[in-house]
Amino acid sequence: MKKRIPVFLLLAAISVLCGYLFHKISWIGRLGINVAYHEYEIFKSWWKSSLLVFGIYVVLYLVHYFISKDKGRGRVIVINTVSMLIAIAGLYYTYHDFRTDFSHRIAGERFHLGFYLFWLGWIVINLHFIISKPKEIKP
C-alpha cells in the first residue's frame, strides 16, 4: 500500500493540473463549446475535468494491477510496454490532431498541454508497474 500512495498523489497532482489547463481554453474555444460543441462542456469546469481525469487514471491503474497480479515479471513488462506504446501513440495522435484540425487548434496551447499531460500520466502508471518489484508470495 505504501508504494501506491506516492503514485496516486502524483496522478492526483497531474489530474488537477490537467483540469486547470482544460479550464483555460481560449475564448473562441469556450464560445465554440457554448454554441456548437455541447458535449465538451465538462472542460469549462476545472474540478469536473480533474475528477474525470483522476477517475480514468484510477481505472487504468486498477486494470494494470489486476492484469499484472498473477503474471510473471516478463509478462508484466511486456503488457505495460505495450500499454506505454499505446499511450505514446495517443500522445502523437493528439499532437497531430491539435496541429492539423482547425477547431482543435484554436482551443489554445494551455488546453493542449492538459491533454499532453493526460498521456504522460498514463505513461507514469506504466512506468510504476515496470519499475516496481512484485510481491513475494509467502507460503
Protein backbone atom coordinates (compact mmCIF):
# COMPACT_ATOMS: atom_id res chain seq x y z
CA MET A 1 0.00 0.00 0.00
CA LYS A 2 2.86 2.38 0.79
CA LYS A 3 4.15 2.08 -2.80
CA ARG A 4 0.81 3.20 -4.21
CA ILE A 5 0.37 6.40 -2.20
CA PRO A 6 3.11 8.43 -3.98
CA VAL A 7 1.86 7.24 -7.36
CA PHE A 8 -1.71 8.24 -6.55
CA LEU A 9 -0.52 11.62 -5.21
CA LEU A 10 1.41 12.20 -8.42
CA LEU A 11 -1.59 11.17 -10.51
CA ALA A 12 -3.86 13.43 -8.44
CA ALA A 13 -1.47 16.36 -8.99
CA ILE A 14 -1.37 15.66 -12.73
CA SER A 15 -5.18 15.42 -12.75
CA VAL A 16 -5.60 18.79 -11.04
CA LEU A 17 -3.11 20.37 -13.42
CA CYS A 18 -4.89 18.80 -16.41
CA GLY A 19 -8.24 20.07 -15.17
CA TYR A 20 -6.84 23.56 -14.68
CA LEU A 21 -5.32 23.58 -18.15
CA PHE A 22 -8.54 22.28 -19.71
CA HIS A 23 -10.35 25.11 -17.97
CA LYS A 24 -8.00 27.63 -19.60
CA ILE A 25 -9.43 27.01 -23.05
CA SER A 26 -9.22 30.03 -25.32
CA TRP A 27 -12.09 32.48 -25.58
CA ILE A 28 -13.00 31.30 -29.06
CA GLY A 29 -12.84 27.67 -27.91
CA ARG A 30 -15.17 28.44 -25.00
CA LEU A 31 -17.53 30.15 -27.44
CA GLY A 32 -17.45 27.05 -29.65
CA ILE A 33 -18.38 24.87 -26.66
CA ASN A 34 -21.27 27.18 -25.75
CA VAL A 35 -22.62 27.34 -29.30
CA ALA A 36 -21.87 24.09 -31.10
CA TYR A 37 -19.90 21.50 -29.11
CA HIS A 38 -22.05 20.97 -26.01
CA GLU A 39 -20.52 17.56 -25.33
CA TYR A 40 -17.29 19.29 -24.26
CA GLU A 41 -18.88 21.40 -21.51
CA ILE A 42 -17.01 19.41 -18.87
CA PHE A 43 -13.85 21.27 -19.92
CA LYS A 44 -15.33 24.56 -18.69
CA SER A 45 -15.12 23.39 -15.06
CA TRP A 46 -11.63 22.62 -13.77
CA TRP A 47 -12.72 20.38 -10.90
CA LYS A 48 -15.06 18.26 -13.04
CA SER A 49 -12.29 17.77 -15.57
CA SER A 50 -9.85 16.90 -12.79
CA LEU A 51 -12.21 14.31 -11.33
CA LEU A 52 -12.77 12.78 -14.76
CA VAL A 53 -9.04 12.51 -15.45
CA PHE A 54 -8.33 11.11 -11.98
CA GLY A 55 -11.15 8.58 -12.41
CA ILE A 56 -9.65 7.44 -15.70
CA TYR A 57 -6.25 7.12 -14.01
CA VAL A 58 -7.71 5.03 -11.18
CA VAL A 59 -9.45 2.71 -13.66
CA LEU A 60 -6.23 2.36 -15.68
CA TYR A 61 -4.25 1.66 -12.50
CA LEU A 62 -6.72 -0.99 -11.34
CA VAL A 63 -6.77 -2.65 -14.77
CA HIS A 64 -2.98 -2.81 -14.80
CA TYR A 65 -2.93 -4.04 -11.21
CA PHE A 66 -5.34 -6.90 -11.82
CA ILE A 67 -3.75 -7.84 -15.13
CA SER A 68 -0.30 -7.86 -13.55
CA LYS A 69 -1.34 -9.58 -10.35
CA ASP A 70 -0.75 -13.22 -11.24
CA LYS A 71 1.59 -12.82 -14.20
CA GLY A 72 5.31 -13.35 -14.25
CA ARG A 73 7.71 -10.42 -14.27
CA GLY A 74 8.38 -10.75 -18.01
CA ARG A 75 4.69 -10.66 -18.89
CA VAL A 76 4.13 -7.61 -16.68
CA ILE A 77 6.91 -5.77 -18.51
CA VAL A 78 5.52 -6.76 -21.92
CA ILE A 79 1.93 -5.77 -21.01
CA ASN A 80 3.00 -2.40 -19.63
CA THR A 81 5.37 -1.73 -22.51
CA VAL A 82 2.55 -2.35 -25.00
CA SER A 83 0.27 -0.09 -22.95
CA MET A 84 3.00 2.57 -22.88
CA LEU A 85 3.35 2.35 -26.66
CA ILE A 86 -0.42 2.88 -26.92
CA ALA A 87 -0.08 5.96 -24.71
CA ILE A 88 2.80 7.29 -26.82
CA ALA A 89 0.73 6.72 -29.97
CA GLY A 90 -2.16 8.56 -28.31
CA LEU A 91 0.19 11.42 -27.42
CA TYR A 92 1.40 11.62 -31.01
CA TYR A 93 -2.11 11.43 -32.43
CA THR A 94 -3.27 14.17 -30.03
CA TYR A 95 -0.35 16.38 -31.06
CA HIS A 96 -1.02 15.73 -34.74
CA ASP A 97 -4.75 16.39 -34.33
CA PHE A 98 -4.17 19.66 -32.46
CA ARG A 99 -1.83 20.83 -35.22
CA THR A 100 -4.00 19.90 -38.20
CA ASP A 101 -7.65 20.28 -37.11
CA PHE A 102 -8.68 23.94 -37.12
CA SER A 103 -11.36 23.67 -34.43
CA HIS A 104 -8.88 22.00 -32.07
CA ARG A 105 -6.03 24.31 -32.97
CA ILE A 106 -7.92 27.42 -31.87
CA ALA A 107 -8.62 25.95 -28.42
CA GLY A 108 -5.25 27.26 -27.22
CA GLU A 109 -1.92 25.92 -26.09
CA ARG A 110 -2.84 25.58 -22.42
CA PHE A 111 -5.78 23.37 -23.38
CA HIS A 112 -3.44 21.26 -25.50
CA LEU A 113 -0.95 20.91 -22.64
CA GLY A 114 -3.70 19.42 -20.48
CA PHE A 115 -4.16 16.59 -22.97
CA TYR A 116 -0.44 16.03 -23.32
CA LEU A 117 -0.21 15.74 -19.52
CA PHE A 118 -3.04 13.21 -19.56
CA TRP A 119 -1.00 10.90 -21.77
CA LEU A 120 2.09 11.45 -19.61
CA GLY A 121 0.06 10.38 -16.57
CA TRP A 122 -0.81 7.14 -18.38
CA ILE A 123 2.90 6.63 -19.04
CA VAL A 124 3.60 7.20 -15.32
CA ILE A 125 1.20 4.35 -14.47
CA ASN A 126 3.03 2.03 -16.87
CA LEU A 127 6.44 3.02 -15.53
CA HIS A 128 5.24 2.36 -12.00
CA PHE A 129 4.35 -1.23 -12.85
CA ILE A 130 7.52 -1.77 -14.87
CA ILE A 131 9.82 -0.43 -12.15
CA SER A 132 8.07 -1.80 -9.06
CA LYS A 133 9.11 -5.18 -7.80
CA PRO A 134 6.42 -7.85 -7.49
CA LYS A 135 5.41 -9.02 -4.04
CA GLU A 136 6.97 -12.22 -2.86
CA ILE A 137 4.36 -14.89 -2.20
CA LYS A 138 4.91 -16.40 1.25
CA PRO A 139 3.62 -19.94 1.78
